[in-house]
Protein backbone atom coordinates (compact mmCIF):
# COMPACT_ATOMS: atom_id res chain seq x y z
CA UNK A 1 -14.90 13.16 0.13
CA UNK A 2 -12.42 15.89 1.00
CA UNK A 3 -12.46 17.10 4.60
CA UNK A 4 -13.01 20.75 5.37
CA UNK A 5 -9.94 22.94 4.89
CA UNK A 6 -7.85 23.50 7.99
CA UNK A 7 -5.29 26.25 8.25
CA UNK A 8 -1.74 25.01 7.69
CA UNK A 9 0.75 25.43 10.44
CA UNK A 10 4.52 25.58 10.01
CA UNK A 11 4.70 22.03 11.42
CA UNK A 12 2.77 20.57 8.46
CA UNK A 13 4.97 21.19 5.41
CA UNK A 14 3.65 20.50 1.94
CA UNK A 15 4.96 17.47 0.12
CA UNK A 16 6.64 18.47 -3.09
CA UNK A 17 5.73 16.25 -6.02
CA UNK A 18 8.30 16.18 -8.78
CA UNK A 19 6.21 13.82 -10.91
CA UNK A 20 2.66 13.43 -12.19
CA UNK A 21 0.99 10.11 -11.55
CA UNK A 22 -1.72 8.46 -13.61
CA UNK A 23 -4.03 8.88 -10.63
CA UNK A 24 -3.39 12.65 -10.53
CA UNK A 25 -4.08 13.02 -14.25
CA UNK A 26 -7.23 10.91 -13.99
CA UNK A 27 -8.44 12.96 -11.01
CA UNK A 28 -7.86 16.18 -12.95
CA UNK A 29 -9.77 14.89 -15.96
CA UNK A 30 -12.70 13.85 -13.78
CA UNK A 31 -12.83 16.99 -11.63
CA UNK A 32 -10.31 19.83 -11.62
CA UNK A 33 -11.53 21.09 -8.25
CA UNK A 34 -10.98 17.69 -6.64
CA UNK A 35 -7.48 17.64 -8.15
CA UNK A 36 -6.81 21.04 -6.55
CA UNK A 37 -8.09 19.89 -3.15
CA UNK A 38 -6.06 16.68 -3.23
CA UNK A 39 -2.79 17.55 -4.97
CA UNK A 40 -2.41 21.33 -4.62
CA UNK A 41 -4.09 22.11 -1.29
CA UNK A 42 -3.32 18.60 0.05
CA UNK A 43 -6.49 18.41 2.12
CA UNK A 44 -6.96 15.19 4.10
CA UNK A 45 -9.43 12.64 2.82
CA UNK A 46 -12.66 12.23 4.77
CA UNK A 47 -12.47 8.42 4.56
CA UNK A 48 -10.16 5.71 3.25
CA UNK A 49 -11.24 3.22 0.61
CA UNK A 50 -10.91 -0.40 1.78
CA UNK A 51 -9.81 -1.53 -1.69
CA UNK A 52 -6.88 0.86 -1.63
CA UNK A 53 -5.88 -0.25 1.86
CA UNK A 54 -6.21 -3.90 0.81
CA UNK A 55 -3.83 -3.29 -2.09
CA UNK A 56 -1.37 -1.54 0.19
CA UNK A 57 -1.50 -4.45 2.64
CA UNK A 58 -0.88 -7.02 -0.13
CA UNK A 59 2.00 -4.87 -1.37
CA UNK A 60 3.44 -4.76 2.17
CA UNK A 61 3.24 -8.55 2.41
CA UNK A 62 5.02 -9.06 -0.93
CA UNK A 63 7.63 -6.47 -0.03
CA UNK A 64 8.33 -8.28 3.24
CA UNK A 65 8.59 -11.57 1.33
CA UNK A 66 11.17 -10.28 -1.14
CA UNK A 67 13.13 -8.35 1.51
CA UNK A 68 13.43 -11.53 3.55
CA UNK A 69 14.44 -13.47 0.46
CA UNK A 70 17.09 -10.87 -0.47
CA UNK A 71 18.59 -10.52 2.99
CA UNK A 72 18.56 -14.11 4.25
CA UNK A 73 17.98 -16.24 1.17
CA UNK A 74 15.00 -17.91 2.85
CA UNK A 75 11.48 -16.83 1.92
CA UNK A 76 8.65 -16.07 4.30
CA UNK A 77 5.86 -18.58 4.61
CA UNK A 78 2.16 -17.82 4.61
CA UNK A 79 2.20 -16.82 8.28
CA UNK A 80 4.98 -14.29 7.68
CA UNK A 81 3.11 -12.86 4.69
CA UNK A 82 -0.08 -12.55 6.76
CA UNK A 83 1.83 -10.89 9.61
CA UNK A 84 2.99 -8.19 7.19
CA UNK A 85 -0.54 -7.92 5.75
CA UNK A 86 -2.11 -7.59 9.20
CA UNK A 87 0.53 -5.10 10.26
CA UNK A 88 -0.52 -2.76 7.48
CA UNK A 89 -4.16 -2.94 8.58
CA UNK A 90 -3.31 -2.45 12.27
CA UNK A 91 -1.98 1.03 11.49
CA UNK A 92 -5.40 2.12 10.16
CA UNK A 93 -8.30 3.62 12.09
CA UNK A 94 -11.07 1.25 10.97
CA UNK A 95 -13.81 3.78 11.70
CA UNK A 96 -12.45 5.85 8.80
CA UNK A 97 -12.46 2.93 6.33
CA UNK A 98 -15.26 2.64 3.78
CA UNK A 99 -15.84 -1.00 2.83
CA UNK A 100 -17.63 -2.23 -0.26
CA UNK A 101 -21.17 -3.60 -0.02
CA UNK A 102 -20.04 -7.21 0.31
CA UNK A 103 -16.70 -6.54 2.02
CA UNK A 104 -15.52 -6.31 5.59
CA UNK A 105 -12.18 -6.83 7.29
CA UNK A 106 -12.69 -10.60 7.58
CA UNK A 107 -13.70 -11.09 3.94
CA UNK A 108 -10.70 -9.09 2.72
CA UNK A 109 -8.36 -11.13 4.94
CA UNK A 110 -9.85 -14.34 3.54
CA UNK A 111 -9.17 -12.99 0.05
CA UNK A 112 -5.61 -12.13 1.11
CA UNK A 113 -5.08 -15.69 2.35
CA UNK A 114 -6.20 -17.07 -1.02
CA UNK A 115 -4.08 -14.61 -2.99
CA UNK A 116 -0.93 -15.07 -0.90
CA UNK A 117 -1.32 -18.86 -0.92
CA UNK A 118 -1.53 -18.75 -4.71
CA UNK A 119 1.49 -16.45 -4.83
CA UNK A 120 3.57 -18.94 -2.83
CA UNK A 121 2.90 -21.64 -5.44
CA UNK A 122 3.75 -19.36 -8.37
CA UNK A 123 7.15 -19.22 -10.07
CA UNK A 124 7.49 -15.57 -9.07
CA UNK A 125 7.83 -16.68 -5.46
CA UNK A 126 11.07 -18.50 -6.33
CA UNK A 127 13.05 -16.17 -8.58
CA UNK A 128 16.27 -17.47 -10.05
CA UNK A 129 19.41 -15.52 -10.69
CA UNK A 130 21.09 -12.78 -8.75
CA UNK A 131 19.52 -9.48 -7.78
CA UNK A 132 21.13 -6.24 -8.85
CA UNK A 133 19.46 -4.62 -5.83
CA UNK A 134 22.09 -6.02 -3.48
CA UNK A 135 24.99 -4.04 -2.12
CA UNK A 136 28.31 -5.72 -1.38
CA UNK A 137 27.20 -6.67 2.12
CA UNK A 138 23.96 -8.26 0.85
CA UNK A 139 21.62 -5.57 2.18
CA UNK A 140 19.01 -4.23 -0.25
CA UNK A 141 19.30 -0.62 -1.35
């Protein structure tokens, strides 16, 4: 799961983590050596899990929705949400993605369509009140 170690060059600085995530703790409890490879040595992963990428793409779509809502006052429609979703996937090398047994890119996009359509009908898609995330000029922090 972890690619072979490559020597670090001065152009690849280590990311400094000033927090411990649940994922890091869980990884340590499951396998201390894997924790070391991932969080201490920061070795690249051999493949990417499609479920993780799917979650990131849904998150990107919802982030785009709320950014649009905060900046212009008008929400994105389904097409705008799917554009953000697809944009997240387009940045990924699909040959390095490991899909589940019954999943592929098309089935995950169909699931995204169902989820985002449901989101648009939910009360969370139309928040009321005023956001504290706005600066004086209306741009999110």
